[in-house]
Amino acid sequence: MAGGKMKKEKGKPSQHTPYQGGISFHKSKGQHILKNPLLVDSIVQKSGIKTTDVVLEIGPGTGNLTKKLLDAGKKVIAVEIDSRMVLELHKRFQGVPSSRLTVIQGDVLKTELPYFDICVANIPYQISSPLTFKLLKHRPAFRCAIIMYQREFAMRLVALPGDKLYCRLTVNTQLHARISHLLKVGRNNFRPPPKVDSSVVRIEPRHPPIVVNQKQWDGFLRICFNRKNKTLGAIFRQKNVISMLEKNYKTVQALKISQEGSSMEADNKADFSNFADFIDDEGMEVDDDGVDDDEDEMDVEDGGANGVQSEFKNKVLGVLKEGDYEDKRSSKLSLQEFIYLLSLFNKAGIHFT
């Protein structure tokens, strides 16, 4: 398709930006090629690539970064969804043996990734969440990933307790990796320029990993971050929360009796199957205004209408009191505090799946 004309939709301006080699970049696919050679050099330098490393590059485009990665590492595995870019890569690196460069055409989210030591990626922003968690579940674990994200998404990943952008995504990614901000990249460093600035972050999987029941963890964080500026005491007093936890409690007790706890033991291994569930709505958290919204007309507090539910409610609130969490807010809790609170709930027989 290189050199050919692309049809424009009637009444709409072209969404393609021409490339001097005849290739048009598709904004709809998130194709923004990094054109600043100094930034390319900086990204490679900060990656800490060794001469023995296998490097996974996601979205190589026309190969500007690929060339630098080949110079630094042992081998580059490039995953590219656009067939035109794949042809361009083959032309540009036709003299490079397959033992040094492998180009895989396909959607990285649907591609089974081979072994790699380091990942370097300038990705379409719309796949930021699913790609991040696909990488984090990859085994064997890689040493680090250097990824360019939309700036706000990147700042959510590196946020600290109390920061405005601190959210469920923050805690969930930091559970599995140490994340640091490397550099800010202005939009004018790309062709075509995106509408927002970017940031490059470094992701290092934890060794050893923090082992949790991922389904429990996800259910627990969903409740905590339902209103991240509300006190945990107010959140866990809500009728729907108490009702759901009581139902889980009865189910767990029944399983323990019928199967002598074997089902619970089998369910205690880390499980990434639920990641997609929270990825879909991760950007929907809007409780960032810093208001202490303990009073919310949309929340119905459990009134303890029947004795059993009231007794269970006291059990839940007792856990919060034991750990001194009742007046604390999710927006200011550290990863370690979340882990400890979940362990207190589980110790009391309260589960979130």
Protein backbone atom coordinates (compact mmCIF):
# COMPACT_ATOMS: atom_id res chain seq x y z
CA MET A 1 0.00 0.00 0.00
CA ALA A 2 3.04 2.26 0.22
CA GLY A 3 2.74 5.16 -2.18
CA GLY A 4 -0.98 4.58 -2.76
CA LYS A 5 -3.69 7.10 -1.95
CA MET A 6 -6.03 6.46 0.94
CA LYS A 7 -9.71 7.37 0.62
CA LYS A 8 -11.02 10.14 2.84
CA GLU A 9 -14.37 9.93 4.59
CA LYS A 10 -16.83 12.46 3.24
CA GLY A 11 -16.97 15.63 5.23
CA LYS A 12 -14.06 14.63 7.44
CA PRO A 13 -10.41 15.64 7.23
CA SER A 14 -7.84 12.94 6.60
CA GLN A 15 -6.78 11.07 9.73
CA HIS A 16 -3.50 10.05 8.12
CA THR A 17 -0.18 11.84 8.20
CA PRO A 18 2.21 11.08 5.32
CA TYR A 19 5.64 9.60 5.90
CA GLN A 20 8.44 10.43 3.51
CA GLY A 21 8.78 6.79 2.49
CA GLY A 22 5.19 6.69 1.25
CA ILE A 23 3.60 5.25 4.42
CA SER A 24 0.70 7.06 6.06
CA PHE A 25 0.38 7.00 9.84
CA HIS A 26 -3.04 6.13 11.21
CA LYS A 27 -4.00 8.28 14.19
CA SER A 28 -6.96 5.97 14.82
CA LYS A 29 -4.49 3.15 15.50
CA GLY A 30 -2.42 5.30 17.80
CA GLN A 31 0.49 5.49 15.36
CA HIS A 32 2.76 8.29 16.50
CA ILE A 33 6.38 7.76 15.48
CA LEU A 34 9.10 9.14 17.75
CA LYS A 35 11.17 11.41 15.51
CA ASN A 36 13.65 12.92 18.00
CA PRO A 37 16.92 10.91 17.76
CA LEU A 38 18.18 12.26 21.09
CA LEU A 39 15.11 10.89 22.84
CA VAL A 40 15.56 7.52 21.14
CA ASP A 41 19.15 7.42 22.40
CA SER A 42 18.03 8.42 25.90
CA ILE A 43 15.39 5.67 26.06
CA VAL A 44 17.92 3.03 24.99
CA GLN A 45 20.48 4.30 27.50
CA LYS A 46 17.97 4.28 30.37
CA SER A 47 16.90 0.74 29.44
CA GLY A 48 20.22 -0.65 30.65
CA ILE A 49 20.38 -3.22 27.86
CA LYS A 50 23.20 -5.77 28.08
CA THR A 51 24.91 -7.31 25.06
CA THR A 52 23.42 -10.67 26.07
CA ASP A 53 19.81 -9.41 26.29
CA VAL A 54 16.84 -10.43 24.18
CA VAL A 55 14.77 -7.27 23.71
CA LEU A 56 11.04 -7.26 23.00
CA GLU A 57 9.97 -4.17 21.07
CA ILE A 58 6.26 -3.47 20.78
CA GLY A 59 5.13 -1.22 17.95
CA PRO A 60 8.46 -0.69 16.16
CA GLY A 61 6.86 1.36 13.38
CA THR A 62 9.52 2.23 10.79
CA GLY A 63 12.41 0.98 12.92
CA ASN A 64 14.09 4.10 14.34
CA LEU A 65 14.25 2.60 17.83
CA THR A 66 14.77 -0.93 16.49
CA LYS A 67 18.12 0.05 15.00
CA LYS A 68 19.41 1.33 18.35
CA LEU A 69 18.13 -1.75 20.16
CA LEU A 70 19.96 -4.02 17.70
CA ASP A 71 23.17 -2.12 18.40
CA ALA A 72 22.74 -2.56 22.16
CA GLY A 73 21.41 -6.10 22.63
CA LYS A 74 21.84 -9.67 21.43
CA LYS A 75 18.49 -9.97 19.66
CA VAL A 76 15.34 -7.91 19.02
CA ILE A 77 11.86 -9.42 18.76
CA ALA A 78 9.59 -6.79 17.22
CA VAL A 79 5.80 -7.15 17.34
CA GLU A 80 3.95 -4.95 14.83
CA ILE A 81 0.26 -5.06 13.89
CA ASP A 82 0.50 -2.97 10.67
CA SER A 83 1.52 -5.01 7.62
CA ARG A 84 2.88 -1.87 5.90
CA MET A 85 5.25 -1.24 8.80
CA VAL A 86 6.32 -4.89 8.77
CA LEU A 87 7.29 -4.56 5.09
CA GLU A 88 9.19 -1.38 5.89
CA LEU A 89 11.09 -3.17 8.68
CA HIS A 90 11.98 -6.07 6.39
CA LYS A 91 13.30 -3.63 3.78
CA ARG A 92 15.24 -1.57 6.25
CA PHE A 93 16.87 -4.53 8.00
CA GLN A 94 17.09 -7.00 5.12
CA GLY A 95 20.76 -7.67 5.86
CA VAL A 96 20.17 -8.53 9.51
CA PRO A 97 20.01 -12.30 10.21
CA SER A 98 16.94 -13.81 11.88
CA SER A 99 19.10 -14.77 14.83
CA ARG A 100 19.39 -11.03 15.55
CA LEU A 101 15.95 -9.74 14.51
CA THR A 102 12.58 -11.45 14.45
CA VAL A 103 9.55 -9.48 13.25
CA ILE A 104 6.16 -10.80 14.35
CA GLN A 105 3.11 -9.38 12.58
CA GLY A 106 0.09 -9.39 14.86
CA ASP A 107 -1.85 -7.81 17.70
CA VAL A 108 0.43 -7.90 20.75
CA LEU A 109 -2.57 -8.47 23.03
CA LYS A 110 -3.41 -11.68 21.14
CA THR A 111 0.15 -12.84 20.47
CA GLU A 112 1.89 -15.40 22.66
CA LEU A 113 5.09 -13.64 23.59
CA PRO A 114 8.40 -15.55 23.57
CA TYR A 115 11.12 -15.24 26.20
CA PHE A 116 12.67 -11.79 26.57
CA ASP A 117 14.88 -9.99 29.09
CA ILE A 118 13.77 -6.42 28.50
CA CYS A 119 10.73 -4.85 26.84
CA VAL A 120 10.94 -1.43 25.16
CA ALA A 121 7.72 -0.02 23.78
CA ASN A 122 6.10 3.11 22.38
CA ILE A 123 2.55 1.81 22.43
CA PRO A 124 -0.88 2.98 21.25
CA TYR A 125 -2.35 4.56 24.37
CA GLN A 126 -5.65 2.72 24.07
CA ILE A 127 -3.96 -0.59 24.96
CA SER A 128 -2.02 0.75 27.96
CA SER A 129 -3.88 -1.18 30.68
CA PRO A 130 -4.28 -4.58 29.00
CA LEU A 131 -0.71 -4.56 27.72
CA THR A 132 0.72 -3.65 31.13
CA PHE A 133 -1.01 -6.60 32.78
CA LYS A 134 -0.21 -8.96 29.93
CA LEU A 135 3.45 -8.17 30.53
CA LEU A 136 3.12 -8.56 34.30
CA LYS A 137 1.62 -12.05 33.94
CA HIS A 138 4.31 -13.13 31.44
CA ARG A 139 6.44 -16.04 32.62
CA PRO A 140 9.31 -16.31 33.07
CA ALA A 141 9.35 -12.77 34.42
CA PHE A 142 11.45 -10.26 32.48
CA ARG A 143 14.04 -7.98 34.11
CA CYS A 144 12.38 -4.67 33.26
CA ALA A 145 10.14 -2.90 30.78
CA ILE A 146 10.69 0.65 29.50
CA ILE A 147 7.34 1.88 28.20
CA MET A 148 6.07 5.19 26.90
CA TYR A 149 2.53 5.96 28.06
CA GLN A 150 0.15 8.88 27.87
CA ARG A 151 1.39 11.12 30.66
CA GLU A 152 -1.67 10.91 32.91
CA PHE A 153 -1.70 7.10 32.73
CA ALA A 154 2.01 7.02 33.53
CA MET A 155 1.50 9.30 36.53
CA ARG A 156 -1.23 6.99 37.81
CA LEU A 157 1.24 4.10 37.72
CA VAL A 158 3.87 5.95 39.79
CA ALA A 159 1.48 7.82 42.11
CA LEU A 160 2.01 7.76 45.88
CA PRO A 161 -0.65 7.59 48.63
CA GLY A 162 -2.29 10.99 48.87
CA ASP A 163 -1.59 11.98 45.25
CA LYS A 164 -4.62 13.07 43.23
CA LEU A 165 -4.06 10.33 40.63
CA TYR A 166 -3.57 7.54 43.20
CA CYS A 167 -6.15 4.88 42.32
CA ARG A 168 -6.92 1.18 42.03
CA LEU A 169 -4.68 0.90 38.97
CA THR A 170 -1.79 2.31 41.03
CA VAL A 171 -2.12 -0.21 43.84
CA ASN A 172 -2.72 -3.16 41.52
CA THR A 173 0.34 -2.52 39.37
CA GLN A 174 2.59 -1.67 42.32
CA LEU A 175 1.60 -4.97 43.92
CA HIS A 176 3.37 -6.77 41.09
CA ALA A 177 6.13 -4.35 40.12
CA ARG A 178 8.29 -1.44 41.18
CA ILE A 179 7.55 1.47 38.86
CA SER A 180 9.58 4.64 38.37
CA HIS A 181 9.23 7.68 36.13
CA LEU A 182 12.16 8.17 33.76
CA LEU A 183 11.37 11.17 31.57
CA LYS A 184 8.62 13.38 30.21
CA VAL A 185 8.20 13.50 26.43
CA GLY A 186 6.46 16.47 24.81
CA ARG A 187 3.94 15.83 22.04
CA ASN A 188 6.06 17.64 19.43
CA ASN A 189 8.64 14.84 19.55
CA PHE A 190 6.24 12.66 17.53
CA ARG A 191 5.08 12.57 13.94
CA PRO A 192 2.13 13.16 13.84
CA PRO A 193 2.00 14.90 17.25
CA PRO A 194 -0.60 13.38 19.64
CA LYS A 195 -3.00 15.57 21.60
CA VAL A 196 -1.28 14.92 24.93
CA ASP A 197 2.22 14.67 26.37
CA SER A 198 3.82 11.33 27.20
CA SER A 199 6.07 9.87 29.86
CA VAL A 200 8.52 6.98 29.88
CA VAL A 201 8.38 4.67 32.91
CA ARG A 202 10.45 1.72 34.09
CA ILE A 203 8.59 -1.37 35.31
CA GLU A 204 10.51 -3.99 37.29
CA PRO A 205 8.58 -7.13 38.34
CA ARG A 206 9.00 -7.85 42.04
CA HIS A 207 11.44 -10.63 42.97
CA PRO A 208 10.21 -12.52 44.82
CA PRO A 209 6.62 -11.67 43.88
CA ILE A 210 4.06 -10.69 46.51
CA VAL A 211 1.70 -13.66 46.52
CA VAL A 212 -2.00 -12.86 46.87
CA ASN A 213 -5.24 -14.42 45.74
CA GLN A 214 -5.78 -12.09 42.78
CA LYS A 215 -9.55 -12.51 42.70
CA GLN A 216 -9.77 -11.67 46.41
CA TRP A 217 -7.44 -8.72 45.94
CA ASP A 218 -9.41 -7.31 43.03
CA GLY A 219 -12.75 -7.64 44.83
CA PHE A 220 -11.28 -6.02 47.93
CA LEU A 221 -9.81 -3.05 46.02
CA ARG A 222 -13.05 -2.52 44.09
CA ILE A 223 -14.84 -1.92 47.37
CA CYS A 224 -12.10 0.25 48.88
CA PHE A 225 -11.83 2.49 45.81
CA ASN A 226 -15.57 2.76 45.18
CA ARG A 227 -15.17 6.18 46.82
CA LYS A 228 -11.50 6.57 47.56
CA ASN A 229 -11.95 9.74 49.68
CA LYS A 230 -14.66 8.22 51.86
CA THR A 231 -13.54 6.63 55.14
CA LEU A 232 -13.30 2.85 55.08
CA GLY A 233 -15.73 2.77 58.00
CA ALA A 234 -18.35 4.54 55.86
CA ILE A 235 -17.67 2.31 52.84
CA PHE A 236 -17.94 -0.96 54.76
CA ARG A 237 -21.14 0.14 56.55
CA GLN A 238 -23.04 0.27 53.24
CA LYS A 239 -25.87 -2.21 53.03
CA ASN A 240 -24.84 -3.64 49.65
CA VAL A 241 -21.26 -4.19 50.85
CA ILE A 242 -22.34 -5.92 54.07
CA SER A 243 -24.83 -8.06 52.15
CA MET A 244 -22.23 -9.17 49.59
CA LEU A 245 -19.60 -9.97 52.20
CA GLU A 246 -22.09 -11.90 54.33
CA LYS A 247 -23.07 -14.00 51.32
CA ASN A 248 -19.40 -14.78 50.65
CA TYR A 249 -18.88 -15.56 54.33
CA LYS A 250 -21.70 -18.13 54.37
CA THR A 251 -20.42 -19.70 51.15
CA VAL A 252 -16.90 -20.04 52.53
CA GLN A 253 -18.15 -21.54 55.78
CA ALA A 254 -20.21 -24.08 53.84
CA LEU A 255 -17.18 -25.00 51.72
CA LYS A 256 -15.05 -25.46 54.80
CA ILE A 257 -17.58 -27.80 56.31
CA SER A 258 -18.18 -29.85 53.15
CA GLN A 259 -14.64 -30.01 51.80
CA GLU A 260 -12.54 -29.47 54.94
CA GLY A 261 -10.98 -26.35 53.53
CA SER A 262 -9.49 -27.96 50.41
CA SER A 263 -11.24 -25.52 48.08
CA MET A 264 -9.86 -22.54 49.96
CA GLU A 265 -6.32 -23.88 49.82
CA ALA A 266 -6.56 -24.39 46.08
CA ASP A 267 -7.84 -20.83 45.67
CA ASN A 268 -4.95 -19.19 47.52
CA LYS A 269 -2.58 -19.11 44.55
CA ALA A 270 -1.99 -15.89 42.62
CA ASP A 271 -4.43 -15.69 39.73
CA PHE A 272 -4.37 -13.07 36.96
CA SER A 273 -7.61 -14.18 35.28
CA ASN A 274 -9.57 -11.25 36.73
CA PHE A 275 -7.28 -8.49 35.45
CA ALA A 276 -9.43 -7.79 32.39
CA ASP A 277 -12.45 -7.13 34.61
CA PHE A 278 -10.95 -4.08 36.28
CA ILE A 279 -8.99 -2.89 33.24
CA ASP A 280 -12.19 -2.03 31.38
CA ASP A 281 -13.37 0.58 33.89
CA GLU A 282 -10.01 1.69 35.27
CA GLY A 283 -10.25 5.12 33.70
CA MET A 284 -13.72 5.75 35.11
CA GLU A 285 -12.68 6.72 38.63
CA VAL A 286 -13.75 10.33 39.12
CA ASP A 287 -13.44 10.72 42.89
CA ASP A 288 -10.35 12.89 42.61
CA ASP A 289 -11.63 16.17 43.99
CA GLY A 290 -10.25 15.64 47.48
CA VAL A 291 -13.67 16.10 49.09
CA ASP A 292 -14.29 14.03 52.18
CA ASP A 293 -17.61 12.68 50.97
CA ASP A 294 -18.64 10.65 54.00
CA GLU A 295 -22.23 11.71 53.45
CA ASP A 296 -23.51 10.52 50.08
CA GLU A 297 -27.19 10.21 49.34
CA MET A 298 -26.47 7.38 46.91
CA ASP A 299 -25.06 5.20 49.69
CA VAL A 300 -27.42 3.25 51.91
CA GLU A 301 -26.02 2.32 55.30
CA ASP A 302 -26.87 -1.08 56.71
CA GLY A 303 -29.27 -0.54 59.56
CA GLY A 304 -29.06 -4.00 61.07
CA ALA A 305 -32.73 -4.77 60.47
CA ASN A 306 -32.22 -8.42 61.38
CA GLY A 307 -30.02 -9.78 64.11
CA VAL A 308 -27.85 -11.96 61.86
CA GLN A 309 -26.92 -9.17 59.50
CA SER A 310 -26.27 -6.78 62.37
CA GLU A 311 -23.99 -9.35 63.99
CA PHE A 312 -22.06 -9.79 60.75
CA LYS A 313 -21.82 -6.03 60.27
CA ASN A 314 -20.21 -5.78 63.71
CA LYS A 315 -17.77 -8.49 62.65
CA VAL A 316 -16.75 -6.49 59.55
CA LEU A 317 -16.40 -3.22 61.45
CA GLY A 318 -14.50 -5.06 64.17
CA VAL A 319 -11.80 -5.92 61.63
CA LEU A 320 -11.45 -2.25 60.70
CA LYS A 321 -11.20 -1.26 64.35
CA GLU A 322 -8.63 -3.99 65.07
CA GLY A 323 -6.28 -2.55 62.44
CA ASP A 324 -7.21 1.07 63.18
CA TYR A 325 -8.59 1.48 59.65
CA GLU A 326 -12.10 2.78 60.37
CA ASP A 327 -11.26 6.47 59.86
CA LYS A 328 -8.66 5.95 57.13
CA ARG A 329 -9.23 6.52 53.41
CA SER A 330 -8.12 4.43 50.44
CA SER A 331 -6.63 7.51 48.78
CA LYS A 332 -3.98 7.62 51.51
CA LEU A 333 -3.32 3.94 52.25
CA SER A 334 -0.02 2.37 51.19
CA LEU A 335 0.29 -0.95 49.39
CA GLN A 336 1.47 -2.60 52.62
CA GLU A 337 -1.57 -1.25 54.51
CA PHE A 338 -3.95 -2.69 51.90
CA ILE A 339 -2.22 -6.07 52.10
CA TYR A 340 -2.42 -6.08 55.89
CA LEU A 341 -6.11 -5.09 55.94
CA LEU A 342 -6.99 -7.86 53.48
CA SER A 343 -5.12 -10.35 55.68
CA LEU A 344 -7.13 -9.19 58.71
CA PHE A 345 -10.40 -9.71 56.82
CA ASN A 346 -9.32 -13.17 55.66
CA LYS A 347 -8.20 -14.08 59.19
CA ALA A 348 -11.72 -13.24 60.36
CA GLY A 349 -13.16 -15.48 57.64
CA ILE A 350 -14.32 -12.55 55.50
CA HIS A 351 -13.57 -13.00 51.79
CA PHE A 352 -14.16 -10.94 48.66
CA THR A 353 -14.99 -13.57 46.04
